[in-house]
Amino acid sequence: MTRPSAAPPPEPVAEATLRLDKWLWHARFFKSRSQAAAFCAEGRLRLNRRHIDRASAPVRVGDVLTFPLGKAIRVVRVTALGKRRGPPAEARTLYVDLPERAGAPPVSL
């Protein structure tokens, strides 16, 4: 009598990602995707505390982005990737603004 073979281990599910420039454009931080890509190439953006200098860096839900925008430093946590560049109300659902660290010196640009 033979035993039935055990089920094969489940395949690891690939975590959903989106290009950084595309996410910044979907979230309406930039008016065009090419502006977002150029900003990424300047190397002034951090993804999870690591400097990023390429627009193709993958963004995942839960990642933290830090970048200058206007006269402020934006720190946002990605809450969704988005499927399109929708209206501003839809774009605001893609991220949550994180407060500045307590006791951190003010940053001027």
PDB file of N, CA and C in Angstrom:
ATOM      1  N   MET A   1       0.838  -1.159   0.000  1.00  0.00           N
ATOM      2  CA  MET A   1       0.000   0.000   0.000  1.00  0.00           C
ATOM      3  C   MET A   1       0.896   1.239   0.000  1.00  0.00           C
ATOM      4  N   THR A   2       0.632   2.147  -0.888  1.00  0.00           N
ATOM      5  CA  THR A   2       1.451   3.360  -0.980  1.00  0.00           C
ATOM      6  C   THR A   2       0.670   4.564  -0.473  1.00  0.00           C
ATOM      7  N   ARG A   3       1.414   5.430   0.136  1.00  0.00           N
ATOM      8  CA  ARG A   3       0.794   6.658   0.634  1.00  0.00           C
ATOM      9  C   ARG A   3       0.726   7.678  -0.500  1.00  0.00           C
ATOM     10  N   PRO A   4      -0.308   8.493  -0.446  1.00  0.00           N
ATOM     11  CA  PRO A   4      -0.346   9.570  -1.451  1.00  0.00           C
ATOM     12  C   PRO A   4       0.759  10.577  -1.143  1.00  0.00           C
ATOM     13  N   SER A   5       1.333  11.107  -2.167  1.00  0.00           N
ATOM     14  CA  SER A   5       2.418  12.067  -1.957  1.00  0.00           C
ATOM     15  C   SER A   5       1.861  13.369  -1.376  1.00  0.00           C
ATOM     16  N   ALA A   6       2.692  14.014  -0.581  1.00  0.00           N
ATOM     17  CA  ALA A   6       2.286  15.273   0.036  1.00  0.00           C
ATOM     18  C   ALA A   6       2.166  16.355  -1.032  1.00  0.00           C
ATOM     19  N   ALA A   7       1.305  17.279  -0.766  1.00  0.00           N
ATOM     20  CA  ALA A   7       1.115  18.384  -1.712  1.00  0.00           C
ATOM     21  C   ALA A   7       2.396  19.202  -1.784  1.00  0.00           C
ATOM     22  N   PRO A   8       2.742  19.663  -2.946  1.00  0.00           N
ATOM     23  CA  PRO A   8       3.961  20.479  -3.074  1.00  0.00           C
ATOM     24  C   PRO A   8       3.795  21.781  -2.284  1.00  0.00           C
ATOM     25  N   PRO A   9       4.900  22.348  -1.812  1.00  0.00           N
ATOM     26  CA  PRO A   9       4.789  23.602  -1.055  1.00  0.00           C
ATOM     27  C   PRO A   9       4.228  24.694  -1.955  1.00  0.00           C
ATOM     28  N   PRO A  10       3.470  25.595  -1.367  1.00  0.00           N
ATOM     29  CA  PRO A  10       2.869  26.648  -2.200  1.00  0.00           C
ATOM     30  C   PRO A  10       3.947  27.560  -2.786  1.00  0.00           C
ATOM     31  N   GLU A  11       3.672  28.011  -3.988  1.00  0.00           N
ATOM     32  CA  GLU A  11       4.592  28.937  -4.651  1.00  0.00           C
ATOM     33  C   GLU A  11       4.559  30.276  -3.923  1.00  0.00           C
ATOM     34  N   PRO A  12       5.720  30.901  -3.699  1.00  0.00           N
ATOM     35  CA  PRO A  12       5.698  32.209  -3.060  1.00  0.00           C
ATOM     36  C   PRO A  12       5.030  33.235  -3.968  1.00  0.00           C
ATOM     37  N   VAL A  13       4.143  33.998  -3.400  1.00  0.00           N
ATOM     38  CA  VAL A  13       3.413  35.002  -4.164  1.00  0.00           C
ATOM     39  C   VAL A  13       4.283  36.251  -4.259  1.00  0.00           C
ATOM     40  N   ALA A  14       4.452  36.730  -5.460  1.00  0.00           N
ATOM     41  CA  ALA A  14       5.263  37.933  -5.662  1.00  0.00           C
ATOM     42  C   ALA A  14       4.517  39.140  -5.094  1.00  0.00           C
ATOM     43  N   GLU A  15       5.237  39.943  -4.334  1.00  0.00           N
ATOM     44  CA  GLU A  15       4.646  41.127  -3.742  1.00  0.00           C
ATOM     45  C   GLU A  15       4.442  42.178  -4.831  1.00  0.00           C
ATOM     46  N   ALA A  16       3.290  42.830  -4.794  1.00  0.00           N
ATOM     47  CA  ALA A  16       2.982  43.832  -5.810  1.00  0.00           C
ATOM     48  C   ALA A  16       3.901  45.038  -5.668  1.00  0.00           C
ATOM     49  N   THR A  17       4.424  45.500  -6.795  1.00  0.00           N
ATOM     50  CA  THR A  17       5.291  46.672  -6.807  1.00  0.00           C
ATOM     51  C   THR A  17       4.875  47.592  -7.954  1.00  0.00           C
ATOM     52  N   LEU A  18       5.365  48.813  -7.891  1.00  0.00           N
ATOM     53  CA  LEU A  18       5.135  49.790  -8.948  1.00  0.00           C
ATOM     54  C   LEU A  18       6.389  50.644  -9.055  1.00  0.00           C
ATOM     55  N   ARG A  19       6.732  51.068 -10.248  1.00  0.00           N
ATOM     56  CA  ARG A  19       7.897  51.949 -10.420  1.00  0.00           C
ATOM     57  C   ARG A  19       7.708  53.217  -9.596  1.00  0.00           C
ATOM     58  N   LEU A  20       8.795  53.720  -9.049  1.00  0.00           N
ATOM     59  CA  LEU A  20       8.763  54.903  -8.200  1.00  0.00           C
ATOM     60  C   LEU A  20       8.212  56.117  -8.939  1.00  0.00           C
ATOM     61  N   ASP A  21       8.691  56.367 -10.156  1.00  0.00           N
ATOM     62  CA  ASP A  21       8.208  57.535 -10.892  1.00  0.00           C
ATOM     63  C   ASP A  21       6.717  57.443 -11.186  1.00  0.00           C
ATOM     64  N   LYS A  22       6.263  56.249 -11.486  1.00  0.00           N
ATOM     65  CA  LYS A  22       4.843  56.054 -11.779  1.00  0.00           C
ATOM     66  C   LYS A  22       4.004  56.270 -10.528  1.00  0.00           C
ATOM     67  N   TRP A  23       4.468  55.792  -9.370  1.00  0.00           N
ATOM     68  CA  TRP A  23       3.719  55.989  -8.127  1.00  0.00           C
ATOM     69  C   TRP A  23       3.653  57.480  -7.763  1.00  0.00           C
ATOM     70  N   LEU A  24       4.778  58.188  -7.881  1.00  0.00           N
ATOM     71  CA  LEU A  24       4.784  59.623  -7.587  1.00  0.00           C
ATOM     72  C   LEU A  24       3.814  60.378  -8.493  1.00  0.00           C
ATOM     73  N   TRP A  25       3.708  59.954  -9.729  1.00  0.00           N
ATOM     74  CA  TRP A  25       2.782  60.572 -10.672  1.00  0.00           C
ATOM     75  C   TRP A  25       1.332  60.212 -10.314  1.00  0.00           C
ATOM     76  N   HIS A  26       1.075  58.949  -9.998  1.00  0.00           N
ATOM     77  CA  HIS A  26      -0.272  58.534  -9.583  1.00  0.00           C
ATOM     78  C   HIS A  26      -0.723  59.298  -8.342  1.00  0.00           C
ATOM     79  N   ALA A  27       0.203  59.508  -7.399  1.00  0.00           N
ATOM     80  CA  ALA A  27      -0.127  60.190  -6.144  1.00  0.00           C
ATOM     81  C   ALA A  27      -0.179  61.710  -6.318  1.00  0.00           C
ATOM     82  N   ARG A  28       0.060  62.191  -7.519  1.00  0.00           N
ATOM     83  CA  ARG A  28      -0.041  63.608  -7.886  1.00  0.00           C
ATOM     84  C   ARG A  28       0.973  64.511  -7.196  1.00  0.00           C
ATOM     85  N   PHE A  29       2.162  63.986  -6.921  1.00  0.00           N
ATOM     86  CA  PHE A  29       3.229  64.830  -6.423  1.00  0.00           C
ATOM     87  C   PHE A  29       3.888  65.589  -7.575  1.00  0.00           C
ATOM     88  N   PHE A  30       3.752  65.071  -8.806  1.00  0.00           N
ATOM     89  CA  PHE A  30       4.308  65.706  -9.997  1.00  0.00           C
ATOM     90  C   PHE A  30       3.257  65.718 -11.093  1.00  0.00           C
ATOM     91  N   LYS A  31       3.333  66.735 -11.963  1.00  0.00           N
ATOM     92  CA  LYS A  31       2.338  66.887 -13.018  1.00  0.00           C
ATOM     93  C   LYS A  31       2.521  65.895 -14.154  1.00  0.00           C
ATOM     94  N   SER A  32       3.751  65.427 -14.352  1.00  0.00           N
ATOM     95  CA  SER A  32       3.991  64.456 -15.422  1.00  0.00           C
ATOM     96  C   SER A  32       4.915  63.356 -14.913  1.00  0.00           C
ATOM     97  N   ARG A  33       4.842  62.237 -15.581  1.00  0.00           N
ATOM     98  CA  ARG A  33       5.701  61.123 -15.194  1.00  0.00           C
ATOM     99  C   ARG A  33       7.158  61.434 -15.508  1.00  0.00           C
ATOM    100  N   SER A  34       7.408  62.195 -16.573  1.00  0.00           N
ATOM    101  CA  SER A  34       8.787  62.547 -16.902  1.00  0.00           C
ATOM    102  C   SER A  34       9.379  63.479 -15.849  1.00  0.00           C
ATOM    103  N   GLN A  35       8.569  64.368 -15.259  1.00  0.00           N
ATOM    104  CA  GLN A  35       9.056  65.204 -14.156  1.00  0.00           C
ATOM    105  C   GLN A  35       9.406  64.342 -12.950  1.00  0.00           C
ATOM    106  N   ALA A  36       8.577  63.356 -12.664  1.00  0.00           N
ATOM    107  CA  ALA A  36       8.833  62.446 -11.545  1.00  0.00           C
ATOM    108  C   ALA A  36      10.109  61.642 -11.791  1.00  0.00           C
ATOM    109  N   ALA A  37      10.314  61.189 -13.020  1.00  0.00           N
ATOM    110  CA  ALA A  37      11.513  60.416 -13.350  1.00  0.00           C
ATOM    111  C   ALA A  37      12.766  61.277 -13.220  1.00  0.00           C
ATOM    112  N   ALA A  38      12.693  62.520 -13.678  1.00  0.00           N
ATOM    113  CA  ALA A  38      13.840  63.423 -13.570  1.00  0.00           C
ATOM    114  C   ALA A  38      14.166  63.704 -12.105  1.00  0.00           C
ATOM    115  N   PHE A  39      13.138  63.884 -11.284  1.00  0.00           N
ATOM    116  CA  PHE A  39      13.353  64.126  -9.856  1.00  0.00           C
ATOM    117  C   PHE A  39      14.039  62.923  -9.208  1.00  0.00           C
ATOM    118  N   CYS A  40      13.606  61.732  -9.558  1.00  0.00           N
ATOM    119  CA  CYS A  40      14.222  60.513  -9.015  1.00  0.00           C
ATOM    120  C   CYS A  40      15.686  60.418  -9.430  1.00  0.00           C
ATOM    121  N   ALA A  41      15.978  60.768 -10.669  1.00  0.00           N
ATOM    122  CA  ALA A  41      17.348  60.682 -11.176  1.00  0.00           C
ATOM    123  C   ALA A  41      18.285  61.668 -10.479  1.00  0.00           C
ATOM    124  N   GLU A  42      17.745  62.746  -9.916  1.00  0.00           N
ATOM    125  CA  GLU A  42      18.571  63.720  -9.200  1.00  0.00           C
ATOM    126  C   GLU A  42      19.117  63.158  -7.892  1.00  0.00           C
ATOM    127  N   GLY A  43      18.513  62.098  -7.385  1.00  0.00           N
ATOM    128  CA  GLY A  43      19.001  61.469  -6.159  1.00  0.00           C
ATOM    129  C   GLY A  43      18.610  62.197  -4.884  1.00  0.00           C
ATOM    130  N   ARG A  44      17.566  63.004  -4.935  1.00  0.00           N
ATOM    131  CA  ARG A  44      17.148  63.761  -3.756  1.00  0.00           C
ATOM    132  C   ARG A  44      16.014  63.077  -2.998  1.00  0.00           C
ATOM    133  N   LEU A  45      15.747  61.846  -3.308  1.00  0.00           N
ATOM    134  CA  LEU A  45      14.641  61.116  -2.706  1.00  0.00           C
ATOM    135  C   LEU A  45      15.179  59.917  -1.933  1.00  0.00           C
ATOM    136  N   ARG A  46      14.553  59.631  -0.802  1.00  0.00           N
ATOM    137  CA  ARG A  46      14.921  58.438  -0.034  1.00  0.00           C
ATOM    138  C   ARG A  46      13.731  57.495   0.030  1.00  0.00           C
ATOM    139  N   LEU A  47      14.017  56.225  -0.131  1.00  0.00           N
ATOM    140  CA  LEU A  47      13.021  55.170  -0.030  1.00  0.00           C
ATOM    141  C   LEU A  47      13.467  54.258   1.101  1.00  0.00           C
ATOM    142  N   ASN A  48      12.707  54.249   2.176  1.00  0.00           N
ATOM    143  CA  ASN A  48      13.069  53.473   3.365  1.00  0.00           C
ATOM    144  C   ASN A  48      14.487  53.802   3.834  1.00  0.00           C
ATOM    145  N   ARG A  49      14.801  55.084   3.918  1.00  0.00           N
ATOM    146  CA  ARG A  49      16.074  55.638   4.398  1.00  0.00           C
ATOM    147  C   ARG A  49      17.246  55.440   3.453  1.00  0.00           C
ATOM    148  N   ARG A  50      17.027  54.889   2.265  1.00  0.00           N
ATOM    149  CA  ARG A  50      18.106  54.697   1.295  1.00  0.00           C
ATOM    150  C   ARG A  50      17.939  55.698   0.159  1.00  0.00           C
ATOM    151  N   HIS A  51      19.019  56.369  -0.198  1.00  0.00           N
ATOM    152  CA  HIS A  51      18.963  57.305  -1.321  1.00  0.00           C
ATOM    153  C   HIS A  51      18.684  56.537  -2.606  1.00  0.00           C
ATOM    154  N   ILE A  52      17.811  57.085  -3.402  1.00  0.00           N
ATOM    155  CA  ILE A  52      17.419  56.459  -4.666  1.00  0.00           C
ATOM    156  C   ILE A  52      17.783  57.407  -5.798  1.00  0.00           C
ATOM    157  N   ASP A  53      18.405  56.881  -6.839  1.00  0.00           N
ATOM    158  CA  ASP A  53      18.764  57.721  -7.980  1.00  0.00           C
ATOM    159  C   ASP A  53      18.264  57.139  -9.300  1.00  0.00           C
ATOM    160  N   ARG A  54      17.235  56.314  -9.214  1.00  0.00           N
ATOM    161  CA  ARG A  54      16.680  55.748 -10.442  1.00  0.00           C
ATOM    162  C   ARG A  54      15.157  55.682 -10.335  1.00  0.00           C
ATOM    163  N   ALA A  55      14.508  56.007 -11.410  1.00  0.00           N
ATOM    164  CA  ALA A  55      13.050  56.059 -11.444  1.00  0.00           C
ATOM    165  C   ALA A  55      12.420  54.671 -11.418  1.00  0.00           C
ATOM    166  N   SER A  56      13.193  53.655 -11.750  1.00  0.00           N
ATOM    167  CA  SER A  56      12.642  52.308 -11.833  1.00  0.00           C
ATOM    168  C   SER A  56      12.656  51.559 -10.506  1.00  0.00           C
ATOM    169  N   ALA A  57      13.055  52.212  -9.420  1.00  0.00           N
ATOM    170  CA  ALA A  57      13.081  51.542  -8.116  1.00  0.00           C
ATOM    171  C   ALA A  57      11.659  51.084  -7.766  1.00  0.00           C
ATOM    172  N   PRO A  58      11.508  49.848  -7.271  1.00  0.00           N
ATOM    173  CA  PRO A  58      10.160  49.355  -6.952  1.00  0.00           C
ATOM    174  C   PRO A  58       9.638  49.929  -5.635  1.00  0.00           C
ATOM    175  N   VAL A  59       8.372  50.304  -5.644  1.00  0.00           N
ATOM    176  CA  VAL A  59       7.690  50.804  -4.448  1.00  0.00           C
ATOM    177  C   VAL A  59       6.660  49.760  -4.037  1.00  0.00           C
ATOM    178  N   ARG A  60       6.594  49.486  -2.730  1.00  0.00           N
ATOM    179  CA  ARG A  60       5.638  48.519  -2.185  1.00  0.00           C
ATOM    180  C   ARG A  60       4.775  49.202  -1.134  1.00  0.00           C
ATOM    181  N   VAL A  61       3.639  48.631  -0.847  1.00  0.00           N
ATOM    182  CA  VAL A  61       2.795  49.142   0.224  1.00  0.00           C
ATOM    183  C   VAL A  61       3.568  49.029   1.533  1.00  0.00           C
ATOM    184  N   GLY A  62       3.584  50.112   2.309  1.00  0.00           N
ATOM    185  CA  GLY A  62       4.302  50.135   3.574  1.00  0.00           C
ATOM    186  C   GLY A  62       5.635  50.857   3.493  1.00  0.00           C
ATOM    187  N   ASP A  63       6.139  51.115   2.281  1.00  0.00           N
ATOM    188  CA  ASP A  63       7.397  51.842   2.120  1.00  0.00           C
ATOM    189  C   ASP A  63       7.231  53.284   2.580  1.00  0.00           C
ATOM    190  N   VAL A  64       8.335  53.888   3.029  1.00  0.00           N
ATOM    191  CA  VAL A  64       8.337  55.287   3.460  1.00  0.00           C
ATOM    192  C   VAL A  64       9.213  56.077   2.507  1.00  0.00           C
ATOM    193  N   LEU A  65       8.655  57.148   1.952  1.00  0.00           N
ATOM    194  CA  LEU A  65       9.367  58.026   1.036  1.00  0.00           C
ATOM    195  C   LEU A  65       9.636  59.355   1.730  1.00  0.00           C
ATOM    196  N   THR A  66      10.848  59.882   1.559  1.00  0.00           N
ATOM    197  CA  THR A  66      11.224  61.180   2.108  1.00  0.00           C
ATOM    198  C   THR A  66      11.826  61.993   0.975  1.00  0.00           C
ATOM    199  N   PHE A  67      11.259  63.182   0.734  1.00  0.00           N
ATOM    200  CA  PHE A  67      11.756  64.003  -0.361  1.00  0.00           C
ATOM    201  C   PHE A  67      11.343  65.458  -0.161  1.00  0.00           C
ATOM    202  N   PRO A  68      12.156  66.393  -0.710  1.00  0.00           N
ATOM    203  CA  PRO A  68      11.775  67.799  -0.636  1.00  0.00           C
ATOM    204  C   PRO A  68      10.741  68.114  -1.713  1.00  0.00           C
ATOM    205  N   LEU A  69       9.754  68.908  -1.344  1.00  0.00           N
ATOM    206  CA  LEU A  69       8.744  69.337  -2.307  1.00  0.00           C
ATOM    207  C   LEU A  69       8.368  70.764  -1.933  1.00  0.00           C
ATOM    208  N   GLY A  70       8.723  71.688  -2.780  1.00  0.00           N
ATOM    209  CA  GLY A  70       8.527  73.094  -2.446  1.00  0.00           C
ATOM    210  C   GLY A  70       9.505  73.479  -1.347  1.00  0.00           C
ATOM    211  N   LYS A  71       8.991  74.094  -0.295  1.00  0.00           N
ATOM    212  CA  LYS A  71       9.852  74.497   0.822  1.00  0.00           C
ATOM    213  C   LYS A  71       9.739  73.535   1.999  1.00  0.00           C
ATOM    214  N   ALA A  72       9.140  72.398   1.793  1.00  0.00           N
ATOM    215  CA  ALA A  72       8.940  71.436   2.882  1.00  0.00           C
ATOM    216  C   ALA A  72       9.575  70.095   2.537  1.00  0.00           C
ATOM    217  N   ILE A  73       9.851  69.327   3.569  1.00  0.00           N
ATOM    218  CA  ILE A  73      10.293  67.946   3.399  1.00  0.00           C
ATOM    219  C   ILE A  73       9.058  67.073   3.608  1.00  0.00           C
ATOM    220  N   ARG A  74       8.722  66.276   2.609  1.00  0.00           N
ATOM    221  CA  ARG A  74       7.564  65.387   2.714  1.00  0.00           C
ATOM    222  C   ARG A  74       8.040  64.018   3.158  1.00  0.00           C
ATOM    223  N   VAL A  75       7.346  63.461   4.131  1.00  0.00           N
ATOM    224  CA  VAL A  75       7.577  62.092   4.585  1.00  0.00           C
ATOM    225  C   VAL A  75       6.231  61.404   4.492  1.00  0.00           C
ATOM    226  N   VAL A  76       6.126  60.416   3.604  1.00  0.00           N
ATOM    227  CA  VAL A  76       4.849  59.736   3.384  1.00  0.00           C
ATOM    228  C   VAL A  76       5.045  58.230   3.425  1.00  0.00           C
ATOM    229  N   ARG A  77       4.022  57.540   3.895  1.00  0.00           N
ATOM    230  CA  ARG A  77       4.002  56.071   3.869  1.00  0.00           C
ATOM    231  C   ARG A  77       3.030  55.649   2.773  1.00  0.00           C
ATOM    232  N   VAL A  78       3.478  54.736   1.928  1.00  0.00           N
ATOM    233  CA  VAL A  78       2.657  54.228   0.826  1.00  0.00           C
ATOM    234  C   VAL A  78       1.588  53.305   1.401  1.00  0.00           C
ATOM    235  N   THR A  79       0.318  53.617   1.135  1.00  0.00           N
ATOM    236  CA  THR A  79      -0.778  52.778   1.618  1.00  0.00           C
ATOM    237  C   THR A  79      -1.420  51.970   0.500  1.00  0.00           C
ATOM    238  N   ALA A  80      -1.217  52.408  -0.744  1.00  0.00           N
ATOM    239  CA  ALA A  80      -1.747  51.678  -1.904  1.00  0.00           C
ATOM    240  C   ALA A  80      -0.910  52.046  -3.120  1.00  0.00           C
ATOM    241  N   LEU A  81      -0.931  51.190  -4.128  1.00  0.00           N
ATOM    242  CA  LEU A  81      -0.145  51.451  -5.323  1.00  0.00           C
ATOM    243  C   LEU A  81      -0.931  52.210  -6.385  1.00  0.00           C
ATOM    244  N   GLY A  82      -2.188  51.975  -6.485  1.00  0.00           N
ATOM    245  CA  GLY A  82      -2.997  52.666  -7.482  1.00  0.00           C
ATOM    246  C   GLY A  82      -2.874  52.026  -8.851  1.00  0.00           C
ATOM    247  N   LYS A  83      -3.927  52.126  -9.621  1.00  0.00           N
ATOM    248  CA  LYS A  83      -3.947  51.549 -10.960  1.00  0.00           C
ATOM    249  C   LYS A  83      -3.945  52.623 -12.036  1.00  0.00           C
ATOM    250  N   ARG A  84      -4.224  53.884 -11.617  1.00  0.00           N
ATOM    251  CA  ARG A  84      -4.293  54.968 -12.592  1.00  0.00           C
ATOM    252  C   ARG A  84      -4.023  56.289 -11.889  1.00  0.00           C
ATOM    253  N   ARG A  85      -3.854  57.330 -12.670  1.00  0.00           N
ATOM    254  CA  ARG A  85      -3.736  58.674 -12.117  1.00  0.00           C
ATOM    255  C   ARG A  85      -5.146  59.241 -12.076  1.00  0.00           C
ATOM    256  N   GLY A  86      -5.744  59.158 -10.909  1.00  0.00           N
ATOM    257  CA  GLY A  86      -7.120  59.596 -10.753  1.00  0.00           C
ATOM    258  C   GLY A  86      -7.206  61.011 -10.227  1.00  0.00           C
ATOM    259  N   PRO A  87      -8.395  61.394  -9.791  1.00  0.00           N
ATOM    260  CA  PRO A  87      -8.588  62.732  -9.239  1.00  0.00           C
ATOM    261  C   PRO A  87      -7.831  62.889  -7.917  1.00  0.00           C
ATOM    262  N   PRO A  88      -7.635  64.134  -7.462  1.00  0.00           N
ATOM    263  CA  PRO A  88      -6.873  64.361  -6.230  1.00  0.00           C
ATOM    264  C   PRO A  88      -7.387  63.586  -5.022  1.00  0.00           C
ATOM    265  N   ALA A  89      -8.678  63.451  -4.883  1.00  0.00           N
ATOM    266  CA  ALA A  89      -9.227  62.716  -3.738  1.00  0.00           C
ATOM    267  C   ALA A  89      -8.783  61.254  -3.779  1.00  0.00           C
ATOM    268  N   GLU A  90      -8.738  60.673  -4.955  1.00  0.00           N
ATOM    269  CA  GLU A  90      -8.285  59.285  -5.102  1.00  0.00           C
ATOM    270  C   GLU A  90      -6.776  59.190  -4.854  1.00  0.00           C
ATOM    271  N   ALA A  91      -6.023  60.182  -5.306  1.00  0.00           N
ATOM    272  CA  ALA A  91      -4.568  60.184  -5.127  1.00  0.00           C
ATOM    273  C   ALA A  91      -4.203  60.236  -3.646  1.00  0.00           C
ATOM    274  N   ARG A  92      -4.968  60.969  -2.843  1.00  0.00           N
ATOM    275  CA  ARG A  92      -4.663  61.076  -1.412  1.00  0.00           C
ATOM    276  C   ARG A  92      -4.850  59.761  -0.671  1.00  0.00           C
ATOM    277  N   THR A  93      -5.547  58.818  -1.256  1.00  0.00           N
ATOM    278  CA  THR A  93      -5.715  57.512  -0.613  1.00  0.00           C
ATOM    279  C   THR A  93      -4.497  56.614  -0.806  1.00  0.00           C
ATOM    280  N   LEU A  94      -3.548  57.024  -1.661  1.00  0.00           N
ATOM    281  CA  LEU A  94      -2.364  56.211  -1.947  1.00  0.00           C
ATOM    282  C   LEU A  94      -1.277  56.362  -0.888  1.00  0.00           C
ATOM    283  N   TYR A  95      -1.399  57.375  -0.025  1.00  0.00           N
ATOM    284  CA  TYR A  95      -0.347  57.624   0.968  1.00  0.00           C
ATOM    285  C   TYR A  95      -0.937  58.268   2.208  1.00  0.00           C
ATOM    286  N   VAL A  96      -0.124  58.242   3.264  1.00  0.00           N
ATOM    287  CA  VAL A  96      -0.470  58.959   4.491  1.00  0.00           C
ATOM    288  C   VAL A  96       0.758  59.772   4.877  1.00  0.00           C
ATOM    289  N   ASP A  97       0.542  61.053   5.198  1.00  0.00           N
ATOM    290  CA  ASP A  97       1.646  61.910   5.631  1.00  0.00           C
ATOM    291  C   ASP A  97       2.068  61.508   7.026  1.00  0.00           C
ATOM    292  N   LEU A  98       3.362  61.375   7.213  1.00  0.00           N
ATOM    293  CA  LEU A  98       3.894  61.051   8.537  1.00  0.00           C
ATOM    294  C   LEU A  98       4.360  62.339   9.198  1.00  0.00           C
ATOM    295  N   PRO A  99       4.158  62.472  10.490  1.00  0.00           N
ATOM    296  CA  PRO A  99       4.598  63.687  11.171  1.00  0.00           C
ATOM    297  C   PRO A  99       6.119  63.728  11.265  1.00  0.00           C
ATOM    298  N   GLU A 100       6.645  64.939  11.412  1.00  0.00           N
ATOM    299  CA  GLU A 100       8.087  65.073  11.588  1.00  0.00           C
ATOM    300  C   GLU A 100       8.469  64.458  12.921  1.00  0.00           C
ATOM    301  N   ARG A 101       9.710  64.016  13.021  1.00  0.00           N
ATOM    302  CA  ARG A 101      10.184  63.426  14.280  1.00  0.00           C
ATOM    303  C   ARG A 101      10.197  64.484  15.366  1.00  0.00           C
ATOM    304  N   ALA A 102       9.813  64.088  16.555  1.00  0.00           N
ATOM    305  CA  ALA A 102       9.861  65.006  17.689  1.00  0.00           C
ATOM    306  C   ALA A 102      11.313  65.294  18.047  1.00  0.00           C
ATOM    307  N   GLY A 103      11.629  66.567  18.252  1.00  0.00           N
ATOM    308  CA  GLY A 103      12.978  66.940  18.648  1.00  0.00           C
ATOM    309  C   GLY A 103      13.944  67.090  17.477  1.00  0.00           C
ATOM    310  N   ALA A 104      13.475  66.849  16.258  1.00  0.00           N
ATOM    311  CA  ALA A 104      14.359  67.001  15.110  1.00  0.00           C
ATOM    312  C   ALA A 104      14.484  68.486  14.781  1.00  0.00           C
ATOM    313  N   PRO A 105      15.667  68.942  14.419  1.00  0.00           N
ATOM    314  CA  PRO A 105      15.810  70.354  14.059  1.00  0.00           C
ATOM    315  C   PRO A 105      15.050  70.651  12.773  1.00  0.00           C
ATOM    316  N   PRO A 106      14.508  71.848  12.643  1.00  0.00           N
ATOM    317  CA  PRO A 106      13.786  72.189  11.397  1.00  0.00           C
ATOM    318  C   PRO A 106      14.735  72.175  10.204  1.00  0.00           C
ATOM    319  N   VAL A 107      14.208  71.747   9.089  1.00  0.00           N
ATOM    320  CA  VAL A 107      15.005  71.654   7.872  1.00  0.00           C
ATOM    321  C   VAL A 107      14.632  72.825   6.975  1.00  0.00           C
ATOM    322  N   SER A 108      15.612  73.567   6.540  1.00  0.00           N
ATOM    323  CA  SER A 108      15.347  74.655   5.599  1.00  0.00           C
ATOM    324  C   SER A 108      16.017  74.336   4.269  1.00  0.00           C
ATOM    325  N   LEU A 109      15.360  74.709   3.217  1.00  0.00           N
ATOM    326  CA  LEU A 109      15.889  74.429   1.871  1.00  0.00           C
ATOM    327  C   LEU A 109      16.409  75.683   1.245  1.00  0.00           C
TER     328      LEU A 109
END
